[in-house]
C-alpha cells in the first residue's frame, strides 16, 4: 500500500457561513476554498495553517446531520493559550499518559478535541 496521509474530512454543518466563521475566525484555520458547486451547494474547505489535511464544511450528506461528528482531534502547541483565547477558562482539562486535552463543540455541536501531545508520546 502507498497511503500517505488524510487529505480531507467532511464536517456536517447546518450553515456554511457560520461554520466558516468559527473555523477560520475563531480557531484560526486558513480558508482553502469557498466556491460554488452547483445551484444550491458550496465547497467550503479549511485547514489548520501549514497542515496537509483539511476539512470541508458540508450540508449535503443526508446520513451526516449537522453536529453528528464526534472526536475530531486538533493538535495544539499551546493548549492553555488556546483555552484562554477561546474563552474556555472553566474548561475541564484532562490529563492522560499521552498528553493533555479539552473538549469543545463547534456551532453545530460537532465534537472537537484540542490536544497537546506530551513530548515522546
PDB file of N, CA and C in Angstrom:
ATOM      1  N   UNK A   1       0.842  -1.181   0.000  1.00  0.00           N
ATOM      2  CA  UNK A   1       0.000   0.000   0.000  1.00  0.00           C
ATOM      3  C   UNK A   1       0.883   1.240   0.000  1.00  0.00           C
ATOM      4  N   UNK A   2       0.373   2.302  -0.606  1.00  0.00           N
ATOM      5  CA  UNK A   2       1.140   3.539  -0.722  1.00  0.00           C
ATOM      6  C   UNK A   2       0.386   4.724  -0.143  1.00  0.00           C
ATOM      7  N   UNK A   3      -0.377   4.500   0.915  1.00  0.00           N
ATOM      8  CA  UNK A   3      -1.146   5.576   1.537  1.00  0.00           C
ATOM      9  C   UNK A   3      -0.196   6.524   2.257  1.00  0.00           C
ATOM     10  N   UNK A   4      -0.448   7.823   2.135  1.00  0.00           N
ATOM     11  CA  UNK A   4       0.485   8.791   2.715  1.00  0.00           C
ATOM     12  C   UNK A   4      -0.098   9.693   3.798  1.00  0.00           C
ATOM     13  N   UNK A   5      -1.353  10.093   3.674  1.00  0.00           N
ATOM     14  CA  UNK A   5      -1.932  10.987   4.674  1.00  0.00           C
ATOM     15  C   UNK A   5      -3.439  11.136   4.443  1.00  0.00           C
ATOM     16  N   UNK A   6      -4.097  11.708   5.411  1.00  0.00           N
ATOM     17  CA  UNK A   6      -5.513  12.040   5.264  1.00  0.00           C
ATOM     18  C   UNK A   6      -5.575  13.352   4.490  1.00  0.00           C
ATOM     19  N   UNK A   7      -6.248  13.350   3.363  1.00  0.00           N
ATOM     20  CA  UNK A   7      -6.381  14.539   2.526  1.00  0.00           C
ATOM     21  C   UNK A   7      -7.486  15.453   3.048  1.00  0.00           C
ATOM     22  N   UNK A   8      -8.661  14.856   3.312  1.00  0.00           N
ATOM     23  CA  UNK A   8      -9.854  15.655   3.571  1.00  0.00           C
ATOM     24  C   UNK A   8     -10.831  14.886   4.451  1.00  0.00           C
ATOM     25  N   UNK A   9     -11.490  15.590   5.332  1.00  0.00           N
ATOM     26  CA  UNK A   9     -12.523  15.029   6.193  1.00  0.00           C
ATOM     27  C   UNK A   9     -13.731  15.944   6.100  1.00  0.00           C
ATOM     28  N   UNK A  10     -14.909  15.364   5.945  1.00  0.00           N
ATOM     29  CA  UNK A  10     -16.134  16.165   5.862  1.00  0.00           C
ATOM     30  C   UNK A  10     -16.720  16.384   7.250  1.00  0.00           C
ATOM     31  N   UNK A  11     -17.058  17.634   7.548  1.00  0.00           N
ATOM     32  CA  UNK A  11     -17.687  18.005   8.815  1.00  0.00           C
ATOM     33  C   UNK A  11     -19.088  18.512   8.489  1.00  0.00           C
ATOM     34  N   UNK A  12     -20.131  17.841   9.022  1.00  0.00           N
ATOM     35  CA  UNK A  12     -21.501  18.234   8.693  1.00  0.00           C
ATOM     36  C   UNK A  12     -21.965  19.463   9.478  1.00  0.00           C
ATOM     37  N   UNK A  13     -22.428  20.470   8.743  1.00  0.00           N
ATOM     38  CA  UNK A  13     -22.869  21.721   9.349  1.00  0.00           C
ATOM     39  C   UNK A  13     -24.220  22.132   8.775  1.00  0.00           C
ATOM     40  N   UNK A  14     -24.917  22.989   9.477  1.00  0.00           N
ATOM     41  CA  UNK A  14     -26.209  23.496   9.002  1.00  0.00           C
ATOM     42  C   UNK A  14     -26.032  24.768   8.175  1.00  0.00           C
ATOM     43  N   UNK A  15     -25.066  25.591   8.556  1.00  0.00           N
ATOM     44  CA  UNK A  15     -24.849  26.887   7.911  1.00  0.00           C
ATOM     45  C   UNK A  15     -23.362  27.027   7.619  1.00  0.00           C
ATOM     46  N   UNK A  16     -22.997  26.973   6.352  1.00  0.00           N
ATOM     47  CA  UNK A  16     -21.581  27.010   5.986  1.00  0.00           C
ATOM     48  C   UNK A  16     -20.909  28.330   6.349  1.00  0.00           C
ATOM     49  N   UNK A  17     -21.620  29.436   6.250  1.00  0.00           N
ATOM     50  CA  UNK A  17     -21.024  30.719   6.606  1.00  0.00           C
ATOM     51  C   UNK A  17     -20.714  30.786   8.099  1.00  0.00           C
ATOM     52  N   UNK A  18     -21.651  30.347   8.917  1.00  0.00           N
ATOM     53  CA  UNK A  18     -21.433  30.339  10.371  1.00  0.00           C
ATOM     54  C   UNK A  18     -20.275  29.412  10.727  1.00  0.00           C
ATOM     55  N   UNK A  19     -20.241  28.231  10.102  1.00  0.00           N
ATOM     56  CA  UNK A  19     -19.166  27.273  10.364  1.00  0.00           C
ATOM     57  C   UNK A  19     -17.821  27.827   9.898  1.00  0.00           C
ATOM     58  N   UNK A  20     -17.793  28.450   8.729  1.00  0.00           N
ATOM     59  CA  UNK A  20     -16.552  29.040   8.220  1.00  0.00           C
ATOM     60  C   UNK A  20     -16.060  30.124   9.177  1.00  0.00           C
ATOM     61  N   UNK A  21     -16.955  30.954   9.672  1.00  0.00           N
ATOM     62  CA  UNK A  21     -16.570  31.993  10.641  1.00  0.00           C
ATOM     63  C   UNK A  21     -15.930  31.373  11.880  1.00  0.00           C
ATOM     64  N   UNK A  22     -16.468  30.250  12.349  1.00  0.00           N
ATOM     65  CA  UNK A  22     -15.917  29.592  13.536  1.00  0.00           C
ATOM     66  C   UNK A  22     -14.539  29.010  13.253  1.00  0.00           C
ATOM     67  N   UNK A  23     -14.438  28.206  12.202  1.00  0.00           N
ATOM     68  CA  UNK A  23     -13.169  27.535  11.927  1.00  0.00           C
ATOM     69  C   UNK A  23     -12.076  28.516  11.497  1.00  0.00           C
ATOM     70  N   UNK A  24     -12.423  29.521  10.712  1.00  0.00           N
ATOM     71  CA  UNK A  24     -11.423  30.492  10.252  1.00  0.00           C
ATOM     72  C   UNK A  24     -11.256  31.616  11.278  1.00  0.00           C
ATOM     73  N   UNK A  25     -12.356  32.240  11.676  1.00  0.00           N
ATOM     74  CA  UNK A  25     -12.288  33.391  12.569  1.00  0.00           C
ATOM     75  C   UNK A  25     -11.959  33.057  14.010  1.00  0.00           C
ATOM     76  N   UNK A  26     -12.515  31.958  14.513  1.00  0.00           N
ATOM     77  CA  UNK A  26     -12.308  31.607  15.918  1.00  0.00           C
ATOM     78  C   UNK A  26     -11.104  30.697  16.117  1.00  0.00           C
ATOM     79  N   UNK A  27     -11.027  29.613  15.331  1.00  0.00           N
ATOM     80  CA  UNK A  27      -9.922  28.666  15.506  1.00  0.00           C
ATOM     81  C   UNK A  27      -8.661  29.067  14.733  1.00  0.00           C
ATOM     82  N   UNK A  28      -8.773  30.001  13.798  1.00  0.00           N
ATOM     83  CA  UNK A  28      -7.603  30.466  13.065  1.00  0.00           C
ATOM     84  C   UNK A  28      -7.183  29.589  11.903  1.00  0.00           C
ATOM     85  N   UNK A  29      -8.076  28.710  11.440  1.00  0.00           N
ATOM     86  CA  UNK A  29      -7.771  27.902  10.260  1.00  0.00           C
ATOM     87  C   UNK A  29      -7.660  28.822   9.051  1.00  0.00           C
ATOM     88  N   UNK A  30      -6.993  28.349   8.002  1.00  0.00           N
ATOM     89  CA  UNK A  30      -6.943  29.108   6.763  1.00  0.00           C
ATOM     90  C   UNK A  30      -8.024  28.597   5.821  1.00  0.00           C
ATOM     91  N   UNK A  31      -8.565  29.520   5.042  1.00  0.00           N
ATOM     92  CA  UNK A  31      -9.570  29.179   4.044  1.00  0.00           C
ATOM     93  C   UNK A  31      -8.847  28.675   2.802  1.00  0.00           C
ATOM     94  N   UNK A  32      -9.133  27.449   2.406  1.00  0.00           N
ATOM     95  CA  UNK A  32      -8.521  26.848   1.224  1.00  0.00           C
ATOM     96  C   UNK A  32      -9.379  27.136  -0.002  1.00  0.00           C
ATOM     97  N   UNK A  33     -10.702  26.975   0.143  1.00  0.00           N
ATOM     98  CA  UNK A  33     -11.611  27.191  -0.989  1.00  0.00           C
ATOM     99  C   UNK A  33     -13.001  27.533  -0.478  1.00  0.00           C
ATOM    100  N   UNK A  34     -13.680  28.374  -1.216  1.00  0.00           N
ATOM    101  CA  UNK A  34     -15.094  28.678  -0.998  1.00  0.00           C
ATOM    102  C   UNK A  34     -15.670  28.959  -2.378  1.00  0.00           C
ATOM    103  N   UNK A  35     -16.165  27.913  -3.020  1.00  0.00           N
ATOM    104  CA  UNK A  35     -16.605  28.024  -4.396  1.00  0.00           C
ATOM    105  C   UNK A  35     -17.968  27.378  -4.594  1.00  0.00           C
ATOM    106  N   UNK A  36     -18.694  27.892  -5.582  1.00  0.00           N
ATOM    107  CA  UNK A  36     -19.998  27.316  -5.931  1.00  0.00           C
ATOM    108  C   UNK A  36     -19.792  25.906  -6.457  1.00  0.00           C
ATOM    109  N   UNK A  37     -20.746  25.051  -6.111  1.00  0.00           N
ATOM    110  CA  UNK A  37     -20.680  23.660  -6.525  1.00  0.00           C
ATOM    111  C   UNK A  37     -22.075  23.242  -6.979  1.00  0.00           C
ATOM    112  N   UNK A  38     -22.582  23.908  -7.960  1.00  0.00           N
ATOM    113  CA  UNK A  38     -23.951  23.667  -8.385  1.00  0.00           C
ATOM    114  C   UNK A  38     -24.848  24.786  -7.910  1.00  0.00           C
ATOM    115  N   UNK A  39     -26.148  24.702  -8.220  1.00  0.00           N
ATOM    116  CA  UNK A  39     -27.055  25.810  -7.920  1.00  0.00           C
ATOM    117  C   UNK A  39     -27.251  26.102  -6.429  1.00  0.00           C
ATOM    118  N   UNK A  40     -27.239  25.082  -5.582  1.00  0.00           N
ATOM    119  CA  UNK A  40     -27.530  25.311  -4.161  1.00  0.00           C
ATOM    120  C   UNK A  40     -26.461  24.758  -3.237  1.00  0.00           C
ATOM    121  N   UNK A  41     -25.254  24.552  -3.731  1.00  0.00           N
ATOM    122  CA  UNK A  41     -24.205  23.987  -2.900  1.00  0.00           C
ATOM    123  C   UNK A  41     -22.906  24.760  -3.057  1.00  0.00           C
ATOM    124  N   UNK A  42     -22.115  24.737  -1.983  1.00  0.00           N
ATOM    125  CA  UNK A  42     -20.794  25.360  -1.990  1.00  0.00           C
ATOM    126  C   UNK A  42     -19.768  24.376  -1.466  1.00  0.00           C
ATOM    127  N   UNK A  43     -18.562  24.513  -1.976  1.00  0.00           N
ATOM    128  CA  UNK A  43     -17.426  23.757  -1.465  1.00  0.00           C
ATOM    129  C   UNK A  43     -16.646  24.707  -0.571  1.00  0.00           C
ATOM    130  N   UNK A  44     -16.730  24.480   0.746  1.00  0.00           N
ATOM    131  CA  UNK A  44     -16.021  25.309   1.708  1.00  0.00           C
ATOM    132  C   UNK A  44     -14.993  24.411   2.396  1.00  0.00           C
ATOM    133  N   UNK A  45     -13.731  24.702   2.159  1.00  0.00           N
ATOM    134  CA  UNK A  45     -12.635  23.876   2.659  1.00  0.00           C
ATOM    135  C   UNK A  45     -11.695  24.727   3.494  1.00  0.00           C
ATOM    136  N   UNK A  46     -11.356  24.253   4.692  1.00  0.00           N
ATOM    137  CA  UNK A  46     -10.471  24.960   5.611  1.00  0.00           C
ATOM    138  C   UNK A  46      -9.454  23.972   6.175  1.00  0.00           C
ATOM    139  N   UNK A  47      -8.369  24.501   6.727  1.00  0.00           N
ATOM    140  CA  UNK A  47      -7.372  23.644   7.365  1.00  0.00           C
ATOM    141  C   UNK A  47      -6.553  24.446   8.368  1.00  0.00           C
ATOM    142  N   UNK A  48      -6.003  23.745   9.359  1.00  0.00           N
ATOM    143  CA  UNK A  48      -5.065  24.427  10.245  1.00  0.00           C
ATOM    144  C   UNK A  48      -3.886  24.933   9.411  1.00  0.00           C
ATOM    145  N   UNK A  49      -3.389  26.074   9.752  1.00  0.00           N
ATOM    146  CA  UNK A  49      -2.283  26.673   8.980  1.00  0.00           C
ATOM    147  C   UNK A  49      -1.099  25.697   8.910  1.00  0.00           C
ATOM    148  N   UNK A  50      -0.615  25.467   7.695  1.00  0.00           N
ATOM    149  CA  UNK A  50       0.522  24.594   7.484  1.00  0.00           C
ATOM    150  C   UNK A  50       0.197  23.110   7.401  1.00  0.00           C
ATOM    151  N   UNK A  51      -1.039  22.748   7.579  1.00  0.00           N
ATOM    152  CA  UNK A  51      -1.428  21.338   7.566  1.00  0.00           C
ATOM    153  C   UNK A  51      -1.642  20.831   6.144  1.00  0.00           C
ATOM    154  N   UNK A  52      -1.367  19.549   5.919  1.00  0.00           N
ATOM    155  CA  UNK A  52      -1.695  18.946   4.628  1.00  0.00           C
ATOM    156  C   UNK A  52      -3.123  18.413   4.630  1.00  0.00           C
ATOM    157  N   UNK A  53      -3.660  18.146   5.802  1.00  0.00           N
ATOM    158  CA  UNK A  53      -5.037  17.664   5.908  1.00  0.00           C
ATOM    159  C   UNK A  53      -5.981  18.841   6.082  1.00  0.00           C
ATOM    160  N   UNK A  54      -7.166  18.728   5.490  1.00  0.00           N
ATOM    161  CA  UNK A  54      -8.140  19.805   5.610  1.00  0.00           C
ATOM    162  C   UNK A  54      -9.526  19.222   5.835  1.00  0.00           C
ATOM    163  N   UNK A  55     -10.464  20.099   6.118  1.00  0.00           N
ATOM    164  CA  UNK A  55     -11.850  19.683   6.290  1.00  0.00           C
ATOM    165  C   UNK A  55     -12.720  20.475   5.320  1.00  0.00           C
ATOM    166  N   UNK A  56     -13.795  19.850   4.912  1.00  0.00           N
ATOM    167  CA  UNK A  56     -14.786  20.557   4.114  1.00  0.00           C
ATOM    168  C   UNK A  56     -16.060  20.628   4.946  1.00  0.00           C
ATOM    169  N   UNK A  57     -16.691  21.771   4.938  1.00  0.00           N
ATOM    170  CA  UNK A  57     -17.895  22.024   5.731  1.00  0.00           C
ATOM    171  C   UNK A  57     -19.093  21.715   4.841  1.00  0.00           C
ATOM    172  N   UNK A  58     -19.719  20.573   5.089  1.00  0.00           N
ATOM    173  CA  UNK A  58     -20.728  20.043   4.169  1.00  0.00           C
ATOM    174  C   UNK A  58     -22.146  20.169   4.725  1.00  0.00           C
ATOM    175  N   UNK A  59     -23.081  20.337   3.788  1.00  0.00           N
ATOM    176  CA  UNK A  59     -24.501  20.422   4.143  1.00  0.00           C
ATOM    177  C   UNK A  59     -25.329  19.400   3.381  1.00  0.00           C
ATOM    178  N   UNK A  60     -24.725  18.599   2.535  1.00  0.00           N
ATOM    179  CA  UNK A  60     -25.477  17.803   1.580  1.00  0.00           C
ATOM    180  C   UNK A  60     -25.530  16.299   1.844  1.00  0.00           C
ATOM    181  N   UNK A  61     -24.914  15.785   2.887  1.00  0.00           N
ATOM    182  CA  UNK A  61     -24.981  14.356   3.160  1.00  0.00           C
ATOM    183  C   UNK A  61     -26.130  14.061   4.121  1.00  0.00           C
ATOM    184  N   UNK A  62     -27.173  13.407   3.617  1.00  0.00           N
ATOM    185  CA  UNK A  62     -28.337  13.103   4.458  1.00  0.00           C
ATOM    186  C   UNK A  62     -27.973  12.215   5.647  1.00  0.00           C
ATOM    187  N   UNK A  63     -26.980  11.353   5.468  1.00  0.00           N
ATOM    188  CA  UNK A  63     -26.589  10.438   6.547  1.00  0.00           C
ATOM    189  C   UNK A  63     -25.667  11.095   7.567  1.00  0.00           C
ATOM    190  N   UNK A  64     -25.319  12.376   7.342  1.00  0.00           N
ATOM    191  CA  UNK A  64     -24.450  13.115   8.257  1.00  0.00           C
ATOM    192  C   UNK A  64     -25.146  14.407   8.673  1.00  0.00           C
ATOM    193  N   UNK A  65     -26.070  14.325   9.620  1.00  0.00           N
ATOM    194  CA  UNK A  65     -26.741  15.556  10.048  1.00  0.00           C
ATOM    195  C   UNK A  65     -25.774  16.493  10.777  1.00  0.00           C
ATOM    196  N   UNK A  66     -26.028  17.787  10.719  1.00  0.00           N
ATOM    197  CA  UNK A  66     -25.175  18.743  11.428  1.00  0.00           C
ATOM    198  C   UNK A  66     -25.009  18.345  12.891  1.00  0.00           C
ATOM    199  N   UNK A  67     -23.774  18.396  13.361  1.00  0.00           N
ATOM    200  CA  UNK A  67     -23.480  18.071  14.751  1.00  0.00           C
ATOM    201  C   UNK A  67     -23.219  16.600  15.011  1.00  0.00           C
ATOM    202  N   UNK A  68     -23.241  15.771  13.988  1.00  0.00           N
ATOM    203  CA  UNK A  68     -23.096  14.325  14.211  1.00  0.00           C
ATOM    204  C   UNK A  68     -21.644  13.851  14.281  1.00  0.00           C
ATOM    205  N   UNK A  69     -20.687  14.700  13.949  1.00  0.00           N
ATOM    206  CA  UNK A  69     -19.280  14.306  14.019  1.00  0.00           C
ATOM    207  C   UNK A  69     -18.777  14.465  15.450  1.00  0.00           C
ATOM    208  N   UNK A  70     -18.132  13.447  15.952  1.00  0.00           N
ATOM    209  CA  UNK A  70     -17.556  13.498  17.298  1.00  0.00           C
ATOM    210  C   UNK A  70     -16.107  13.032  17.237  1.00  0.00           C
ATOM    211  N   UNK A  71     -15.251  13.646  18.020  1.00  0.00           N
ATOM    212  CA  UNK A  71     -13.882  13.178  18.146  1.00  0.00           C
ATOM    213  C   UNK A  71     -12.897  13.710  17.134  1.00  0.00           C
ATOM    214  N   UNK A  72     -13.147  14.876  16.544  1.00  0.00           N
ATOM    215  CA  UNK A  72     -12.169  15.491  15.643  1.00  0.00           C
ATOM    216  C   UNK A  72     -11.056  16.082  16.505  1.00  0.00           C
ATOM    217  N   UNK A  73      -9.869  15.493  16.434  1.00  0.00           N
ATOM    218  CA  UNK A  73      -8.747  15.898  17.278  1.00  0.00           C
ATOM    219  C   UNK A  73      -7.897  16.920  16.542  1.00  0.00           C
ATOM    220  N   UNK A  74      -7.675  18.054  17.186  1.00  0.00           N
ATOM    221  CA  UNK A  74      -6.867  19.135  16.633  1.00  0.00           C
ATOM    222  C   UNK A  74      -5.684  19.340  17.575  1.00  0.00           C
ATOM    223  N   UNK A  75      -4.495  19.120  17.053  1.00  0.00           N
ATOM    224  CA  UNK A  75      -3.271  19.253  17.853  1.00  0.00           C
ATOM    225  C   UNK A  75      -2.942  20.725  18.064  1.00  0.00           C
ATOM    226  N   UNK A  76      -2.434  21.053  19.248  1.00  0.00           N
ATOM    227  CA  UNK A  76      -2.019  22.418  19.564  1.00  0.00           C
ATOM    228  C   UNK A  76      -0.666  22.402  20.262  1.00  0.00           C
ATOM    229  N   UNK A  77       0.115  23.439  20.027  1.00  0.00           N
ATOM    230  CA  UNK A  77       1.390  23.600  20.722  1.00  0.00           C
ATOM    231  C   UNK A  77       1.231  24.397  22.009  1.00  0.00           C
ATOM    232  N   UNK A  78       0.044  24.987  22.208  1.00  0.00           N
ATOM    233  CA  UNK A  78      -0.192  25.832  23.386  1.00  0.00           C
ATOM    234  C   UNK A  78      -1.628  25.644  23.857  1.00  0.00           C
ATOM    235  N   UNK A  79      -1.879  24.537  24.517  1.00  0.00           N
ATOM    236  CA  UNK A  79      -3.237  24.223  24.958  1.00  0.00           C
ATOM    237  C   UNK A  79      -3.788  25.307  25.879  1.00  0.00           C
ATOM    238  N   UNK A  80      -3.033  25.709  26.867  1.00  0.00           N
ATOM    239  CA  UNK A  80      -3.527  26.711  27.815  1.00  0.00           C
ATOM    240  C   UNK A  80      -3.799  28.040  27.118  1.00  0.00           C
ATOM    241  N   UNK A  81      -2.923  28.462  26.233  1.00  0.00           N
ATOM    242  CA  UNK A  81      -3.133  29.704  25.496  1.00  0.00           C
ATOM    243  C   UNK A  81      -4.367  29.640  24.621  1.00  0.00           C
ATOM    244  N   UNK A  82      -4.586  28.491  23.967  1.00  0.00           N
ATOM    245  CA  UNK A  82      -5.773  28.342  23.132  1.00  0.00           C
ATOM    246  C   UNK A  82      -7.044  28.308  23.961  1.00  0.00           C
ATOM    247  N   UNK A  83      -6.985  27.694  25.123  1.00  0.00           N
ATOM    248  CA  UNK A  83      -8.141  27.687  26.026  1.00  0.00           C
ATOM    249  C   UNK A  83      -8.513  29.120  26.391  1.00  0.00           C
ATOM    250  N   UNK A  84      -7.518  29.916  26.714  1.00  0.00           N
ATOM    251  CA  UNK A  84      -7.761  31.316  27.071  1.00  0.00           C
ATOM    252  C   UNK A  84      -8.277  32.107  25.875  1.00  0.00           C
ATOM    253  N   UNK A  85      -7.672  31.917  24.705  1.00  0.00           N
ATOM    254  CA  UNK A  85      -8.098  32.638  23.502  1.00  0.00           C
ATOM    255  C   UNK A  85      -9.543  32.321  23.124  1.00  0.00           C
ATOM    256  N   UNK A  86      -9.954  31.093  23.369  1.00  0.00           N
ATOM    257  CA  UNK A  86     -11.314  30.670  23.035  1.00  0.00           C
ATOM    258  C   UNK A  86     -12.321  30.991  24.138  1.00  0.00           C
ATOM    259  N   UNK A  87     -11.859  31.572  25.238  1.00  0.00           N
ATOM    260  CA  UNK A  87     -12.765  31.893  26.340  1.00  0.00           C
ATOM    261  C   UNK A  87     -13.270  30.652  27.061  1.00  0.00           C
ATOM    262  N   UNK A  88     -12.434  29.617  27.122  1.00  0.00           N
ATOM    263  CA  UNK A  88     -12.819  28.363  27.773  1.00  0.00           C
ATOM    264  C   UNK A  88     -12.150  28.224  29.132  1.00  0.00           C
ATOM    265  N   UNK A  89     -12.013  29.325  29.841  1.00  0.00           N
ATOM    266  CA  UNK A  89     -11.308  29.334  31.116  1.00  0.00           C
ATOM    267  C   UNK A  89     -11.784  28.309  32.115  1.00  0.00           C
ATOM    268  N   UNK A  90     -13.071  27.961  32.069  1.00  0.00           N
ATOM    269  CA  UNK A  90     -13.605  26.981  33.014  1.00  0.00           C
ATOM    270  C   UNK A  90     -13.652  25.571  32.417  1.00  0.00           C
ATOM    271  N   UNK A  91     -12.930  25.377  31.304  1.00  0.00           N
ATOM    272  CA  UNK A  91     -12.931  24.073  30.633  1.00  0.00           C
ATOM    273  C   UNK A  91     -12.281  23.017  31.513  1.00  0.00           C
ATOM    274  N   UNK A  92     -12.748  21.808  31.381  1.00  0.00           N
ATOM    275  CA  UNK A  92     -12.228  20.672  32.137  1.00  0.00           C
ATOM    276  C   UNK A  92     -11.063  20.056  31.356  1.00  0.00           C
ATOM    277  N   UNK A  93      -9.844  20.482  31.677  1.00  0.00           N
ATOM    278  CA  UNK A  93      -8.660  19.955  31.000  1.00  0.00           C
ATOM    279  C   UNK A  93      -8.373  18.570  31.576  1.00  0.00           C
ATOM    280  N   UNK A  94      -8.231  17.614  30.675  1.00  0.00           N
ATOM    281  CA  UNK A  94      -7.973  16.231  31.076  1.00  0.00           C
ATOM    282  C   UNK A  94      -6.491  15.910  30.870  1.00  0.00           C
ATOM    283  N   UNK A  95      -5.917  15.208  31.828  1.00  0.00           N
ATOM    284  CA  UNK A  95      -4.552  14.725  31.712  1.00  0.00           C
ATOM    285  C   UNK A  95      -4.592  13.250  31.365  1.00  0.00           C
ATOM    286  N   UNK A  96      -3.724  12.849  30.458  1.00  0.00           N
ATOM    287  CA  UNK A  96      -3.628  11.458  30.045  1.00  0.00           C
ATOM    288  C   UNK A  96      -2.150  11.113  29.899  1.00  0.00           C
ATOM    289  N   UNK A  97      -1.816   9.835  29.869  1.00  0.00           N
ATOM    290  CA  UNK A  97      -0.402   9.459  29.723  1.00  0.00           C
ATOM    291  C   UNK A  97       0.240  10.023  28.454  1.00  0.00           C
ATOM    292  N   UNK A  98      -0.544  10.260  27.420  1.00  0.00           N
ATOM    293  CA  UNK A  98      -0.027  10.746  26.144  1.00  0.00           C
ATOM    294  C   UNK A  98      -0.107  12.266  25.989  1.00  0.00           C
ATOM    295  N   UNK A  99      -0.678  12.977  26.976  1.00  0.00           N
ATOM    296  CA  UNK A  99      -0.757  14.438  26.887  1.00  0.00           C
ATOM    297  C   UNK A  99      -1.946  15.006  27.627  1.00  0.00           C
ATOM    298  N   UNK A 100      -2.366  16.206  27.212  1.00  0.00           N
ATOM    299  CA  UNK A 100      -3.498  16.893  27.834  1.00  0.00           C
ATOM    300  C   UNK A 100      -4.479  17.276  26.744  1.00  0.00           C
ATOM    301  N   UNK A 101      -5.770  17.388  27.118  1.00  0.00           N
ATOM    302  CA  UNK A 101      -6.771  17.752  26.117  1.00  0.00           C
ATOM    303  C   UNK A 101      -7.984  18.383  26.775  1.00  0.00           C
ATOM    304  N   UNK A 102      -8.748  19.067  25.949  1.00  0.00           N
ATOM    305  CA  UNK A 102     -10.008  19.662  26.367  1.00  0.00           C
ATOM    306  C   UNK A 102     -11.000  19.452  25.226  1.00  0.00           C
ATOM    307  N   UNK A 103     -12.254  19.247  25.563  1.00  0.00           N
ATOM    308  CA  UNK A 103     -13.274  19.059  24.539  1.00  0.00           C
ATOM    309  C   UNK A 103     -14.107  20.333  24.400  1.00  0.00           C
ATOM    310  N   UNK A 104     -14.599  20.552  23.191  1.00  0.00           N
ATOM    311  CA  UNK A 104     -15.494  21.660  22.914  1.00  0.00           C
ATOM    312  C   UNK A 104     -16.339  21.300  21.705  1.00  0.00           C
ATOM    313  N   UNK A 105     -17.266  22.152  21.372  1.00  0.00           N
ATOM    314  CA  UNK A 105     -18.137  21.919  20.214  1.00  0.00           C
ATOM    315  C   UNK A 105     -18.086  23.110  19.279  1.00  0.00           C
ATOM    316  N   UNK A 106     -18.270  22.824  17.987  1.00  0.00           N
ATOM    317  CA  UNK A 106     -18.428  23.910  17.029  1.00  0.00           C
ATOM    318  C   UNK A 106     -19.871  24.401  17.111  1.00  0.00           C
ATOM    319  N   UNK A 107     -20.265  25.428  16.367  1.00  0.00           N
ATOM    320  CA  UNK A 107     -21.626  25.968  16.486  1.00  0.00           C
ATOM    321  C   UNK A 107     -22.739  24.969  16.187  1.00  0.00           C
ATOM    322  N   UNK A 108     -22.430  23.881  15.472  1.00  0.00           N
ATOM    323  CA  UNK A 108     -23.443  22.872  15.159  1.00  0.00           C
ATOM    324  C   UNK A 108     -23.469  21.723  16.157  1.00  0.00           C
ATOM    325  N   UNK A 109     -22.528  21.703  17.094  1.00  0.00           N
ATOM    326  CA  UNK A 109     -22.475  20.622  18.069  1.00  0.00           C
ATOM    327  C   UNK A 109     -21.535  19.491  17.686  1.00  0.00           C
ATOM    328  N   UNK A 110     -20.748  19.674  16.621  1.00  0.00           N
ATOM    329  CA  UNK A 110     -19.721  18.677  16.305  1.00  0.00           C
ATOM    330  C   UNK A 110     -18.691  18.688  17.415  1.00  0.00           C
ATOM    331  N   UNK A 111     -18.279  17.512  17.870  1.00  0.00           N
ATOM    332  CA  UNK A 111     -17.348  17.394  18.988  1.00  0.00           C
ATOM    333  C   UNK A 111     -15.904  17.514  18.564  1.00  0.00           C
ATOM    334  N   UNK A 112     -15.216  18.501  19.123  1.00  0.00           N
ATOM    335  CA  UNK A 112     -13.813  18.753  18.836  1.00  0.00           C
ATOM    336  C   UNK A 112     -12.984  18.500  20.087  1.00  0.00           C
ATOM    337  N   UNK A 113     -11.760  18.090  19.875  1.00  0.00           N
ATOM    338  CA  UNK A 113     -10.821  17.877  20.974  1.00  0.00           C
ATOM    339  C   UNK A 113      -9.563  18.670  20.664  1.00  0.00           C
ATOM    340  N   UNK A 114      -9.203  19.610  21.522  1.00  0.00           N
ATOM    341  CA  UNK A 114      -7.925  20.293  21.409  1.00  0.00           C
ATOM    342  C   UNK A 114      -6.939  19.502  22.248  1.00  0.00           C
ATOM    343  N   UNK A 115      -5.865  19.077  21.616  1.00  0.00           N
ATOM    344  CA  UNK A 115      -4.932  18.163  22.267  1.00  0.00           C
ATOM    345  C   UNK A 115      -3.503  18.679  22.195  1.00  0.00           C
ATOM    346  N   UNK A 116      -2.786  18.543  23.299  1.00  0.00           N
ATOM    347  CA  UNK A 116      -1.359  18.821  23.340  1.00  0.00           C
ATOM    348  C   UNK A 116      -0.682  17.512  23.693  1.00  0.00           C
ATOM    349  N   UNK A 117      -0.065  16.892  22.715  1.00  0.00           N
ATOM    350  CA  UNK A 117       0.594  15.610  22.931  1.00  0.00           C
ATOM    351  C   UNK A 117       1.883  15.831  23.710  1.00  0.00           C
ATOM    352  N   UNK A 118       2.107  14.997  24.714  1.00  0.00           N
ATOM    353  CA  UNK A 118       3.320  15.086  25.507  1.00  0.00           C
ATOM    354  C   UNK A 118       4.529  14.708  24.654  1.00  0.00           C
ATOM    355  N   UNK A 119       5.660  15.357  24.902  1.00  0.00           N
ATOM    356  CA  UNK A 119       6.855  15.014  24.135  1.00  0.00           C
ATOM    357  C   UNK A 119       7.220  13.567  24.418  1.00  0.00           C
ATOM    358  N   UNK A 120       7.584  12.868  23.371  1.00  0.00           N
ATOM    359  CA  UNK A 120       7.938  11.465  23.494  1.00  0.00           C
ATOM    360  C   UNK A 120       6.757  10.507  23.472  1.00  0.00           C
ATOM    361  N   UNK A 121       5.540  11.061  23.397  1.00  0.00           N
ATOM    362  CA  UNK A 121       4.348  10.189  23.401  1.00  0.00           C
ATOM    363  C   UNK A 121       4.028   9.715  22.003  1.00  0.00           C
TER     364      UNK A 121
END
